[in-house]
Amino acid sequence: MGLTFFPNGVGTDDDGYLYCAIADISTGASSWSVALPFDVEITGAVVTQETAVTGSDAAVTFEIGGTPITAMVATIVVAGGADGDAFVAVAPTGAFALSAGTAVEVITDGNSTTASLGRVAITYKRV
């Protein structure tokens, strides 16, 4: 499983999204990354859990070139969470410019106790 990108996949000619399927967003800390061949600004993300997590909430964060994207965190909650729920990441407030050839990374914290496939869509706007 890895990241793929779909230019022009959301709205206008300058918008697109990155998609990845992460084998387990819950029980093991891990990360996945990909670089794009053009400059973009990351505008948001959605994480969908296949199986409801248990134990503690799980966090999915995002980085560009090793620098966290400011405020952009998706919290996969235990309380009230169900199979197939989608969690919208907090909108980025800084450090969201991605230069061509620089990696964007999706990071899981491994804080939960039930393994769950995660599907992540990261939206971007070309600059």
Protein backbone atom coordinates (compact mmCIF):
# COMPACT_ATOMS: atom_id res chain seq x y z
CA MET A 1 0.00 0.00 0.00
CA GLY A 2 1.28 3.46 -0.74
CA LEU A 3 0.43 6.94 -1.80
CA THR A 4 -0.82 7.85 -5.23
CA PHE A 5 -1.77 11.24 -6.56
CA PHE A 6 -4.65 12.32 -8.73
CA PRO A 7 -4.13 15.73 -10.31
CA ASN A 8 -7.26 17.64 -11.17
CA GLY A 9 -9.26 15.26 -9.02
CA VAL A 10 -11.14 17.80 -6.94
CA GLY A 11 -12.93 20.81 -8.39
CA THR A 12 -10.78 23.01 -10.61
CA ASP A 13 -7.81 22.37 -12.88
CA ASP A 14 -5.44 23.47 -10.11
CA ASP A 15 -6.85 21.15 -7.43
CA GLY A 16 -6.08 17.51 -6.76
CA TYR A 17 -5.65 14.95 -4.05
CA LEU A 18 -3.25 12.35 -2.77
CA TYR A 19 -4.67 9.02 -1.65
CA CYS A 20 -3.14 6.31 0.48
CA ALA A 21 -4.39 3.15 2.09
CA ILE A 22 -2.54 2.53 5.35
CA ALA A 23 -2.64 -1.07 6.59
CA ASP A 24 -3.09 -0.01 10.24
CA ILE A 25 -3.79 3.52 11.46
CA SER A 26 -4.40 2.27 14.98
CA THR A 27 -1.95 -0.07 16.70
CA GLY A 28 1.48 0.68 15.28
CA ALA A 29 3.23 3.99 14.74
CA SER A 30 4.20 4.26 11.07
CA SER A 31 4.52 6.67 8.17
CA TRP A 32 4.17 6.89 4.37
CA SER A 33 5.44 9.60 2.06
CA VAL A 34 5.40 10.74 -1.55
CA ALA A 35 6.72 13.70 -3.53
CA LEU A 36 4.86 15.49 -6.31
CA PRO A 37 6.41 16.80 -9.54
CA PHE A 38 4.96 20.30 -9.06
CA ASP A 39 4.50 22.94 -6.34
CA VAL A 40 1.30 22.77 -4.26
CA GLU A 41 -0.27 23.99 -1.05
CA ILE A 42 -1.81 21.27 1.12
CA THR A 43 -5.39 22.34 1.89
CA GLY A 44 -6.79 19.52 4.01
CA ALA A 45 -7.20 15.80 4.64
CA VAL A 46 -9.78 13.17 5.51
CA VAL A 47 -9.03 9.83 7.18
CA THR A 48 -11.56 6.98 7.01
CA GLN A 49 -11.29 4.01 9.36
CA GLU A 50 -12.39 0.58 8.15
CA THR A 51 -12.79 -0.79 11.68
CA ALA A 52 -13.61 1.28 14.76
CA VAL A 53 -10.54 1.82 16.93
CA THR A 54 -10.58 0.95 20.64
CA GLY A 55 -8.54 1.84 23.70
CA SER A 56 -7.34 5.38 23.01
CA ASP A 57 -7.93 7.88 20.23
CA ALA A 58 -5.50 7.59 17.31
CA ALA A 59 -3.88 10.62 15.69
CA VAL A 60 -2.82 10.99 12.07
CA THR A 61 -0.46 13.90 11.41
CA PHE A 62 1.21 15.27 8.30
CA GLU A 63 4.68 16.63 7.54
CA ILE A 64 6.49 18.21 4.62
CA GLY A 65 10.19 17.55 4.40
CA GLY A 66 10.28 16.60 8.10
CA THR A 67 8.40 19.73 9.25
CA PRO A 68 4.90 19.24 10.72
CA ILE A 69 2.08 20.92 8.80
CA THR A 70 0.82 23.37 11.43
CA ALA A 71 -2.46 22.33 13.10
CA MET A 72 -3.24 19.58 10.54
CA VAL A 73 -4.22 16.56 12.65
CA ALA A 74 -6.99 14.01 12.16
CA THR A 75 -8.09 12.45 15.44
CA ILE A 76 -9.68 9.02 15.10
CA VAL A 77 -11.93 8.95 18.15
CA VAL A 78 -12.93 5.94 20.22
CA ALA A 79 -16.06 7.47 21.77
CA GLY A 80 -18.91 7.13 19.29
CA GLY A 81 -16.61 5.90 16.50
CA ALA A 82 -17.96 3.23 14.14
CA ASP A 83 -16.71 1.15 11.22
CA GLY A 84 -16.36 3.35 8.14
CA ASP A 85 -16.36 6.70 9.95
CA ALA A 86 -14.48 9.56 8.29
CA PHE A 87 -12.50 12.11 10.29
CA VAL A 88 -11.63 15.48 8.79
CA ALA A 89 -8.22 16.86 9.75
CA VAL A 90 -8.00 20.31 11.25
CA ALA A 91 -7.26 22.76 8.41
CA PRO A 92 -3.58 23.62 8.09
CA THR A 93 -2.56 27.06 9.33
CA GLY A 94 1.10 27.04 8.33
CA ALA A 95 3.99 25.06 6.83
CA PHE A 96 1.69 23.69 4.11
CA ALA A 97 3.68 24.68 0.98
CA LEU A 98 5.02 21.61 -0.82
CA SER A 99 7.76 22.23 -3.39
CA ALA A 100 8.19 19.90 -6.34
CA GLY A 101 10.27 16.91 -5.31
CA THR A 102 9.74 17.41 -1.55
CA ALA A 103 7.87 14.65 0.29
CA VAL A 104 4.59 14.97 2.15
CA GLU A 105 4.36 12.36 4.90
CA VAL A 106 1.36 10.76 6.65
CA ILE A 107 2.20 9.66 10.20
CA THR A 108 0.19 7.44 12.55
CA ASP A 109 0.81 7.46 16.30
CA GLY A 110 -0.15 3.85 17.14
CA ASN A 111 -2.08 4.78 20.31
CA SER A 112 -5.11 2.52 19.81
CA THR A 113 -5.63 -1.20 20.34
CA THR A 114 -7.75 -2.46 17.42
CA ALA A 115 -6.07 -2.74 14.02
CA SER A 116 -7.86 -0.68 11.38
CA LEU A 117 -7.17 -0.07 7.71
CA GLY A 118 -7.09 3.67 7.10
CA ARG A 119 -7.84 5.46 3.85
CA VAL A 120 -6.34 8.94 3.66
CA ALA A 121 -7.13 11.65 1.12
CA ILE A 122 -4.97 14.80 1.20
CA THR A 123 -6.26 17.72 -0.85
CA TYR A 124 -4.01 20.25 -2.50
CA LYS A 125 -4.05 23.32 -4.71
CA ARG A 126 -1.35 23.89 -7.33
CA VAL A 127 0.58 27.14 -6.99
